Amino acid sequence: MTKNDFRKLKTIVDSLSDKKGINIMAFDVDEQSGYTDYMVFVTGTSIQHNKTMGDAVARALKTDGFSRPVQEGDKKSKWILIDSGDAVVNVMLDEIRSYYDLEALWAECEKIDIESL
């Protein structure tokens, strides 16, 4: 994904928003990570909500013509990781998101204004 092409990121964020994801955040981590361009975080209200959001992201990416992402975590997971290559999505319960505080790792990176996508 090029820096000016936010189509995949928009697909991901829209999918999470449609499924009522909480506190969706996206960071441009390209210069710091070396393996992805964008890191996305979202909180789910339950394990089932996490699964629903993960499945919705995978389905939306496929529908919009992107290759199917690799998904780690199963239907009983408190944390699901979706790797679509140039965007990595972390779907977590609040307790897991708070405990690991991964956003702090990317605090130096540019935060994407997801409302403008």
Protein backbone atom coordinates (compact mmCIF):
# COMPACT_ATOMS: atom_id res chain seq x y z
CA MET A 1 0.00 0.00 0.00
CA THR A 2 1.42 3.33 -0.93
CA LYS A 3 1.37 6.16 1.56
CA ASN A 4 -1.38 7.95 -0.35
CA ASP A 5 -3.49 4.84 -0.87
CA PHE A 6 -5.54 4.35 2.26
CA ARG A 7 -8.08 2.08 0.55
CA LYS A 8 -7.09 -1.06 2.48
CA LEU A 9 -6.86 0.83 5.76
CA LYS A 10 -10.29 2.34 5.09
CA THR A 11 -11.73 -1.12 4.39
CA ILE A 12 -10.35 -2.35 7.72
CA VAL A 13 -11.49 0.64 9.76
CA ASP A 14 -14.95 0.69 8.15
CA SER A 15 -15.37 -3.01 8.85
CA LEU A 16 -14.40 -2.60 12.52
CA SER A 17 -16.63 0.44 12.88
CA ASP A 18 -19.58 -1.37 11.27
CA LYS A 19 -19.21 -4.11 13.88
CA LYS A 20 -19.15 -1.54 16.70
CA GLY A 21 -15.44 -1.81 17.50
CA ILE A 22 -14.41 0.41 20.42
CA ASN A 23 -11.52 2.91 20.43
CA ILE A 24 -10.22 2.16 16.94
CA MET A 25 -6.70 3.56 16.50
CA ALA A 26 -4.32 3.35 13.54
CA PHE A 27 -0.64 4.26 13.37
CA ASP A 28 1.71 4.74 10.41
CA VAL A 29 4.56 2.46 11.52
CA ASP A 30 6.32 2.00 8.20
CA GLU A 31 9.59 3.69 9.16
CA GLN A 32 9.82 1.97 12.54
CA SER A 33 8.50 -1.54 11.93
CA GLY A 34 10.18 -2.89 8.81
CA TYR A 35 7.35 -5.41 8.26
CA THR A 36 4.13 -3.42 7.90
CA ASP A 37 2.93 0.08 7.07
CA TYR A 38 0.01 0.41 9.48
CA MET A 39 -0.82 -0.94 12.91
CA VAL A 40 -4.51 -0.93 13.89
CA PHE A 41 -5.95 -1.49 17.37
CA VAL A 42 -9.57 -2.06 18.37
CA THR A 43 -11.31 -3.20 21.54
CA GLY A 44 -14.09 -5.77 21.55
CA THR A 45 -16.68 -6.22 24.28
CA SER A 46 -16.49 -10.03 24.37
CA ILE A 47 -14.68 -12.99 22.85
CA GLN A 48 -17.57 -13.40 20.40
CA HIS A 49 -17.37 -9.71 19.46
CA ASN A 50 -13.64 -10.13 18.76
CA LYS A 51 -14.35 -13.12 16.52
CA THR A 52 -17.10 -11.25 14.70
CA MET A 53 -14.80 -8.28 14.03
CA GLY A 54 -11.94 -10.53 12.89
CA ASP A 55 -14.18 -12.41 10.49
CA ALA A 56 -15.68 -9.15 9.21
CA VAL A 57 -12.25 -7.68 8.46
CA ALA A 58 -11.17 -10.81 6.56
CA ARG A 59 -14.43 -10.87 4.60
CA ALA A 60 -14.29 -7.14 3.79
CA LEU A 61 -10.70 -7.35 2.55
CA LYS A 62 -11.59 -10.26 0.28
CA THR A 63 -14.73 -8.48 -0.99
CA ASP A 64 -12.72 -5.34 -1.79
CA GLY A 65 -10.22 -7.33 -3.85
CA PHE A 66 -7.37 -7.68 -1.36
CA SER A 67 -5.73 -11.02 -0.65
CA ARG A 68 -7.06 -12.96 2.33
CA PRO A 69 -5.14 -12.02 5.49
CA VAL A 70 -3.50 -14.39 7.93
CA GLN A 71 -5.50 -14.55 11.15
CA GLU A 72 -4.06 -15.69 14.48
CA GLY A 73 -6.44 -16.51 17.31
CA ASP A 74 -9.51 -18.67 17.37
CA LYS A 75 -13.12 -18.39 18.42
CA LYS A 76 -12.07 -18.42 22.09
CA SER A 77 -9.39 -15.74 21.83
CA LYS A 78 -9.17 -12.56 23.85
CA TRP A 79 -6.75 -11.24 21.20
CA ILE A 80 -6.98 -11.81 17.47
CA LEU A 81 -4.21 -10.63 15.16
CA ILE A 82 -4.98 -10.10 11.49
CA ASP A 83 -1.97 -9.69 9.21
CA SER A 84 -2.87 -8.33 5.79
CA GLY A 85 0.72 -7.53 4.87
CA ASP A 86 0.83 -3.76 4.88
CA ALA A 87 -1.69 -3.47 7.73
CA VAL A 88 -1.76 -5.46 10.95
CA VAL A 89 -4.94 -5.42 13.04
CA ASN A 90 -5.07 -6.22 16.76
CA VAL A 91 -8.56 -7.06 18.01
CA MET A 92 -8.45 -7.29 21.82
CA LEU A 93 -10.58 -7.36 24.90
CA ASP A 94 -10.08 -4.25 27.05
CA GLU A 95 -8.16 -6.14 29.75
CA ILE A 96 -5.66 -7.49 27.20
CA ARG A 97 -5.28 -4.15 25.42
CA SER A 98 -4.65 -2.37 28.73
CA TYR A 99 -2.23 -5.03 29.97
CA TYR A 100 -0.01 -5.10 26.85
CA ASP A 101 -0.42 -1.39 25.97
CA LEU A 102 0.96 -1.93 22.47
CA GLU A 103 0.00 1.57 21.40
CA ALA A 104 2.83 2.80 23.64
CA LEU A 105 5.31 0.98 21.39
CA TRP A 106 4.14 3.10 18.48
CA ALA A 107 3.70 6.40 20.36
CA GLU A 108 6.44 8.04 18.29
CA CYS A 109 4.63 7.13 15.06
CA GLU A 110 2.07 9.26 13.27
CA LYS A 111 -1.45 8.51 14.44
CA ILE A 112 -3.84 8.24 11.49
CA ASP A 113 -7.01 10.30 11.67
CA ILE A 114 -9.44 7.49 10.93
CA GLU A 115 -12.36 9.90 10.69
CA SER A 116 -10.78 11.41 7.56
CA LEU A 117 -10.49 8.09 5.75
